[in-house]
Amino acid sequence: MVYEGISSARFCPRNFLLCGTYHKLLELAIMYLFSSRKYLSFSNSFLKYTSEASMPFYVLHQPIIVFLSFFIRELSWSIPAKLLFLILTSFILIMVCYHFVIRCLNILRFLFGMKGNKLVIQRDHAQTNYAKYKYSTNGWFS
């Protein structure tokens, strides 16, 4: 049945309510995206550390998981126990490799796409501040 050119199936109240629900969900998603810029734009030492560790973690996780699973596949443990052991052991091994090996060697930092060691940058910054102080006491930059 057609009322003034609009089919009754298209003008069903059920479809109208679903359309309103999708509209409200879209509004909430847009509000979340725009408010996240204000409330989620912060940084701390944990975020900096994990951000720097993300690429080495991504590269190392597959070989370490395959290596460990090769040794635990024949154990008579249940599958959830094997999974838990694999997850915990691989995470610990990856983080130990990253923290004690990759972060310390500049060649590995370069190969994993990380910036150079921070100690060199801090030393250069200290020398620059000393040079500014030295010239300012002579009256060059007062």
Protein backbone atom coordinates (compact mmCIF):
# COMPACT_ATOMS: atom_id res chain seq x y z
CA MET A 1 0.00 0.00 0.00
CA VAL A 2 1.34 3.44 -0.93
CA TYR A 3 0.61 6.67 0.97
CA GLU A 4 1.39 9.84 -0.97
CA GLY A 5 4.21 8.32 -3.00
CA ILE A 6 6.08 6.71 -0.06
CA SER A 7 5.88 2.96 0.32
CA SER A 8 4.68 1.72 3.69
CA ALA A 9 7.70 -0.60 4.08
CA ARG A 10 10.09 2.33 3.93
CA PHE A 11 8.14 4.38 6.45
CA CYS A 12 7.89 1.63 9.07
CA PRO A 13 8.35 2.82 12.69
CA ARG A 14 10.82 -0.01 13.27
CA ASN A 15 13.10 1.29 10.52
CA PHE A 16 12.72 4.81 11.88
CA LEU A 17 13.87 3.72 15.36
CA LEU A 18 16.86 1.82 13.96
CA CYS A 19 17.85 4.84 11.92
CA GLY A 20 17.68 6.99 15.06
CA THR A 21 19.79 4.49 16.97
CA TYR A 22 22.48 4.47 14.28
CA HIS A 23 22.40 8.25 14.22
CA LYS A 24 22.96 8.43 17.99
CA LEU A 25 25.79 5.90 17.79
CA LEU A 26 27.41 7.96 15.05
CA GLU A 27 27.07 11.09 17.18
CA LEU A 28 28.69 9.33 20.14
CA ALA A 29 31.56 8.06 17.98
CA ILE A 30 32.22 11.55 16.62
CA MET A 31 32.07 13.06 20.12
CA TYR A 32 34.51 10.42 21.36
CA LEU A 33 36.94 11.07 18.52
CA PHE A 34 36.96 14.82 19.04
CA SER A 35 37.11 14.64 22.85
CA SER A 36 39.89 12.06 22.76
CA ARG A 37 42.21 14.66 21.29
CA LYS A 38 41.70 16.80 24.36
CA TYR A 39 41.68 14.12 27.08
CA LEU A 40 44.06 11.53 25.64
CA SER A 41 46.87 13.79 24.46
CA PHE A 42 49.31 13.24 27.32
CA SER A 43 52.60 11.50 27.75
CA ASN A 44 54.47 9.79 30.55
CA SER A 45 57.52 7.58 30.89
CA PHE A 46 55.54 4.35 30.48
CA LEU A 47 54.00 5.53 27.20
CA LYS A 48 57.38 6.66 25.88
CA TYR A 49 59.00 3.32 26.81
CA THR A 50 56.23 1.20 25.25
CA SER A 51 56.10 3.39 22.16
CA GLU A 52 59.82 2.91 21.62
CA ALA A 53 59.53 -0.85 22.30
CA SER A 54 56.66 -1.46 19.87
CA MET A 55 58.72 -2.10 16.72
CA PRO A 56 61.26 -4.48 18.32
CA PHE A 57 58.38 -6.25 20.10
CA TYR A 58 56.54 -6.66 16.79
CA VAL A 59 59.64 -8.03 15.03
CA LEU A 60 60.68 -10.38 17.84
CA HIS A 61 57.32 -11.84 18.84
CA GLN A 62 56.88 -14.27 15.94
CA PRO A 63 60.29 -16.02 16.05
CA ILE A 64 60.24 -16.31 19.83
CA ILE A 65 56.69 -17.71 19.89
CA VAL A 66 57.55 -20.26 17.19
CA PHE A 67 60.76 -21.23 19.00
CA LEU A 68 59.00 -21.72 22.35
CA SER A 69 56.01 -23.54 20.87
CA PHE A 70 58.35 -26.03 19.19
CA PHE A 71 59.55 -27.11 22.63
CA ILE A 72 56.20 -27.13 24.45
CA ARG A 73 54.12 -28.91 21.81
CA GLU A 74 55.07 -32.39 23.05
CA LEU A 75 54.43 -31.67 26.73
CA SER A 76 51.48 -33.45 28.35
CA TRP A 77 50.00 -30.21 29.69
CA SER A 78 46.49 -29.05 28.88
CA ILE A 79 46.12 -26.57 26.03
CA PRO A 80 45.17 -23.62 28.32
CA ALA A 81 48.27 -24.31 30.44
CA LYS A 82 50.47 -24.41 27.34
CA LEU A 83 48.90 -21.19 26.08
CA LEU A 84 49.40 -19.39 29.38
CA PHE A 85 53.00 -20.61 29.60
CA LEU A 86 53.66 -19.56 26.00
CA ILE A 87 52.18 -16.08 26.47
CA LEU A 88 53.99 -15.34 29.73
CA THR A 89 57.34 -16.80 28.69
CA SER A 90 57.38 -15.15 25.28
CA PHE A 91 56.45 -11.76 26.75
CA ILE A 92 59.22 -12.02 29.35
CA LEU A 93 61.81 -13.13 26.78
CA ILE A 94 60.87 -10.39 24.32
CA MET A 95 61.04 -7.67 26.98
CA VAL A 96 64.37 -8.97 28.34
CA CYS A 97 65.82 -9.02 24.82
CA TYR A 98 64.55 -5.51 24.18
CA HIS A 99 65.55 -3.95 27.49
CA PHE A 100 68.97 -5.52 27.99
CA VAL A 101 70.20 -6.09 24.42
CA ILE A 102 68.46 -3.92 21.81
CA ARG A 103 68.30 -0.70 23.85
CA CYS A 104 71.99 -0.90 24.78
CA LEU A 105 73.57 -1.50 21.37
CA ASN A 106 73.38 1.36 18.88
CA ILE A 107 73.69 -0.94 15.85
CA LEU A 108 70.62 -2.89 17.00
CA ARG A 109 68.77 0.35 17.72
CA PHE A 110 69.46 1.37 14.13
CA LEU A 111 68.43 -2.04 12.72
CA PHE A 112 65.13 -1.92 14.61
CA GLY A 113 64.40 1.62 13.41
CA MET A 114 64.90 3.38 16.72
CA LYS A 115 66.55 6.72 17.38
CA GLY A 116 70.10 6.92 18.68
CA ASN A 117 71.03 6.57 22.33
CA LYS A 118 69.63 9.38 24.49
CA LEU A 119 72.84 9.83 26.52
CA VAL A 120 74.67 11.34 23.55
CA ILE A 121 71.87 13.87 22.99
CA GLN A 122 71.87 14.92 26.66
CA ARG A 123 75.66 15.37 26.66
CA ASP A 124 75.49 17.61 23.56
CA HIS A 125 72.68 19.61 25.17
CA ALA A 126 74.79 20.17 28.29
CA GLN A 127 77.77 21.34 26.20
CA THR A 128 75.52 23.76 24.30
CA ASN A 129 74.21 25.25 27.54
CA TYR A 130 77.77 25.65 28.83
CA ALA A 131 78.77 27.44 25.62
CA LYS A 132 75.81 29.83 25.94
CA TYR A 133 76.74 30.57 29.55
CA LYS A 134 80.39 31.07 28.62
CA TYR A 135 79.59 33.59 25.91
CA SER A 136 76.95 35.39 27.96
CA THR A 137 79.42 36.05 30.80
CA ASN A 138 81.76 37.75 28.32
CA GLY A 139 78.95 40.07 27.32
CA TRP A 140 78.29 38.70 23.83
CA PHE A 141 74.67 37.59 24.42
CA SER A 142 73.48 39.60 27.38
